[in-house]
Amino acid sequence: MHMIADGLGVRIDEVTSDLTAATATEDIPHELGAIRAGTVAAQHHEWTAWVDGGPLIVFHALYTAAGSDKLEPSWDLGKTRYRIVIEGDPPTELTLQGVERPDGTMAHPGYDWTAMGAINAIPDVCDGPPGWLDHLDLGLVQPRGLVR
């Protein structure tokens, strides 16, 4: 959030957070043991960066061990995805989500997506000056070596 604010040329006054949970409506099998009915099976985290008395950047993260049909309250979680909404002029929305295979399955792409930026930045970080670097320092990270 601070990097985004730096890129926008503003200073964050405060970051607030909120957490809500949903519980399992039935036992949910899991490889490490069942998640019992009535216990937490999903979490919704929200962080808000406040600038000049108003919310400027809001980040949501939803984690679940079950589909919405097994949660109370029932959340419309949809597919694993990154969704970016910019309420500006023009308003813009970008959604990045996995694709179902012909057999109906879909791998969880979130872990790979999370690692992509860091992995692809390695050459630029190694070639860069000592110290902390972020996307504002590196510019557009090139996915060199992607095609083999």
Protein backbone atom coordinates (compact mmCIF):
# COMPACT_ATOMS: atom_id res chain seq x y z
CA MET A 1 0.00 0.00 0.00
CA HIS A 2 2.83 2.36 0.83
CA MET A 3 4.52 1.69 -2.53
CA ILE A 4 1.28 2.47 -4.36
CA ALA A 5 0.87 5.67 -2.35
CA ASP A 6 4.50 6.62 -3.09
CA GLY A 7 3.84 6.08 -6.79
CA LEU A 8 0.77 8.33 -6.56
CA GLY A 9 2.77 10.99 -4.74
CA VAL A 10 0.71 10.88 -1.54
CA ARG A 11 1.44 9.97 2.07
CA ILE A 12 -0.63 7.45 4.01
CA ASP A 13 -1.90 8.86 7.31
CA GLU A 14 -3.12 5.56 8.75
CA VAL A 15 -3.77 1.94 7.79
CA THR A 16 -6.74 0.24 9.42
CA SER A 17 -7.70 -3.42 9.27
CA ASP A 18 -10.80 -5.52 9.70
CA LEU A 19 -11.32 -9.28 9.90
CA THR A 20 -14.54 -11.24 9.50
CA ALA A 21 -14.90 -14.99 9.62
CA ALA A 22 -17.34 -17.59 8.34
CA THR A 23 -17.87 -20.95 10.00
CA ALA A 24 -18.36 -24.40 8.53
CA THR A 25 -21.98 -25.56 8.37
CA GLU A 26 -20.81 -29.20 8.31
CA ASP A 27 -17.56 -31.10 8.85
CA ILE A 28 -15.16 -30.39 5.97
CA PRO A 29 -12.58 -33.10 5.21
CA HIS A 30 -8.99 -31.88 4.94
CA GLU A 31 -5.69 -33.73 4.49
CA LEU A 32 -4.50 -32.46 7.89
CA GLY A 33 -7.76 -33.30 9.67
CA ALA A 34 -11.38 -32.25 9.38
CA ILE A 35 -12.55 -28.69 9.90
CA ARG A 36 -15.44 -29.26 12.29
CA ALA A 37 -18.88 -27.74 11.82
CA GLY A 38 -19.17 -24.47 13.74
CA THR A 39 -15.45 -23.67 13.52
CA VAL A 40 -13.81 -21.06 11.28
CA ALA A 41 -13.57 -22.20 7.67
CA ALA A 42 -13.06 -18.85 5.90
CA GLN A 43 -11.57 -15.44 6.64
CA HIS A 44 -12.02 -12.05 4.98
CA HIS A 45 -9.21 -9.61 5.73
CA GLU A 46 -9.51 -5.95 4.73
CA TRP A 47 -6.83 -3.26 4.99
CA THR A 48 -7.56 0.40 4.21
CA ALA A 49 -4.97 3.11 3.63
CA TRP A 50 -6.31 6.52 4.63
CA VAL A 51 -5.04 9.69 2.95
CA ASP A 52 -6.27 13.18 3.83
CA GLY A 53 -9.11 11.76 5.93
CA GLY A 54 -10.51 9.39 3.30
CA PRO A 55 -9.93 5.83 2.14
CA LEU A 56 -7.61 5.73 -0.87
CA ILE A 57 -6.37 2.14 -1.16
CA VAL A 58 -8.35 -0.90 0.03
CA PHE A 59 -6.92 -4.41 -0.05
CA HIS A 60 -9.08 -7.50 0.48
CA ALA A 61 -7.87 -11.07 1.00
CA LEU A 62 -10.28 -14.00 1.24
CA TYR A 63 -9.11 -17.39 2.47
CA THR A 64 -11.39 -20.40 2.58
CA ALA A 65 -11.31 -24.13 3.17
CA ALA A 66 -14.74 -24.72 1.62
CA GLY A 67 -17.18 -23.58 -1.03
CA SER A 68 -19.76 -20.95 -0.10
CA ASP A 69 -22.43 -23.67 0.19
CA LYS A 70 -20.69 -24.92 3.35
CA LEU A 71 -20.17 -21.52 5.01
CA GLU A 72 -22.23 -19.41 7.40
CA PRO A 73 -22.62 -16.71 6.33
CA SER A 74 -22.52 -17.90 2.72
CA TRP A 75 -19.93 -15.84 0.81
CA ASP A 76 -19.84 -15.65 -2.98
CA LEU A 77 -16.17 -16.56 -3.30
CA GLY A 78 -16.06 -17.52 -6.98
CA LYS A 79 -12.80 -18.76 -8.47
CA THR A 80 -9.33 -17.99 -7.12
CA ARG A 81 -8.55 -14.62 -8.63
CA TYR A 82 -6.89 -11.27 -8.32
CA ARG A 83 -9.31 -8.40 -8.86
CA ILE A 84 -8.13 -4.81 -9.15
CA VAL A 85 -10.71 -2.03 -9.17
CA ILE A 86 -9.73 1.58 -9.83
CA GLU A 87 -12.46 4.09 -9.08
CA GLY A 88 -11.14 6.87 -11.25
CA ASP A 89 -11.74 8.49 -14.61
CA PRO A 90 -12.29 6.20 -16.37
CA PRO A 91 -13.20 3.58 -13.76
CA THR A 92 -11.33 0.37 -14.49
CA GLU A 93 -11.49 -3.25 -13.36
CA LEU A 94 -8.98 -6.02 -14.06
CA THR A 95 -9.66 -9.62 -13.06
CA LEU A 96 -7.02 -12.33 -13.32
CA GLN A 97 -8.35 -15.82 -12.67
CA GLY A 98 -7.48 -19.40 -13.41
CA VAL A 99 -9.03 -21.26 -16.31
CA GLU A 100 -10.88 -24.55 -16.06
CA ARG A 101 -9.30 -27.45 -17.90
CA PRO A 102 -11.39 -29.58 -20.31
CA ASP A 103 -11.94 -32.11 -17.49
CA GLY A 104 -13.45 -29.39 -15.26
CA THR A 105 -10.53 -29.11 -12.85
CA MET A 106 -8.55 -25.95 -12.13
CA ALA A 107 -5.19 -25.70 -10.43
CA HIS A 108 -4.85 -23.06 -7.70
CA PRO A 109 -2.90 -20.38 -9.63
CA GLY A 110 -2.56 -17.93 -6.73
CA TYR A 111 0.75 -19.27 -5.44
CA ASP A 112 2.36 -19.06 -8.89
CA TRP A 113 0.97 -15.58 -9.50
CA THR A 114 2.27 -14.38 -6.15
CA ALA A 115 5.78 -15.65 -6.92
CA MET A 116 5.93 -14.36 -10.53
CA GLY A 117 6.82 -10.76 -9.69
CA ALA A 118 9.63 -11.70 -7.33
CA ILE A 119 11.06 -14.44 -9.56
CA ASN A 120 10.99 -12.29 -12.70
CA ALA A 121 12.64 -9.40 -10.82
CA ILE A 122 15.74 -11.42 -9.82
CA PRO A 123 17.92 -10.32 -12.80
CA ASP A 124 17.01 -6.63 -12.30
CA VAL A 125 17.60 -6.82 -8.54
CA CYS A 126 20.99 -8.51 -9.06
CA ASP A 127 21.96 -5.85 -11.62
CA GLY A 128 20.64 -3.01 -9.44
CA PRO A 129 22.36 -0.98 -6.72
CA PRO A 130 22.66 -2.30 -3.15
CA GLY A 131 19.72 -1.70 -0.84
CA TRP A 132 15.95 -2.06 -0.92
CA LEU A 133 14.26 -1.96 -4.32
CA ASP A 134 10.57 -2.02 -5.21
CA HIS A 135 8.56 -1.87 -8.42
CA LEU A 136 8.96 1.91 -8.56
CA ASP A 137 12.75 1.42 -8.63
CA LEU A 138 12.72 -1.49 -11.08
CA GLY A 139 10.16 -0.23 -13.58
CA LEU A 140 8.59 -2.83 -15.86
CA VAL A 141 10.03 -6.23 -14.94
CA GLN A 142 10.81 -8.24 -18.05
CA PRO A 143 10.00 -11.98 -18.03
CA ARG A 144 13.30 -12.89 -19.74
CA GLY A 145 13.88 -16.58 -20.29
CA LEU A 146 10.16 -17.37 -20.18
CA VAL A 147 10.13 -18.96 -23.63
CA ARG A 148 12.48 -21.91 -23.92
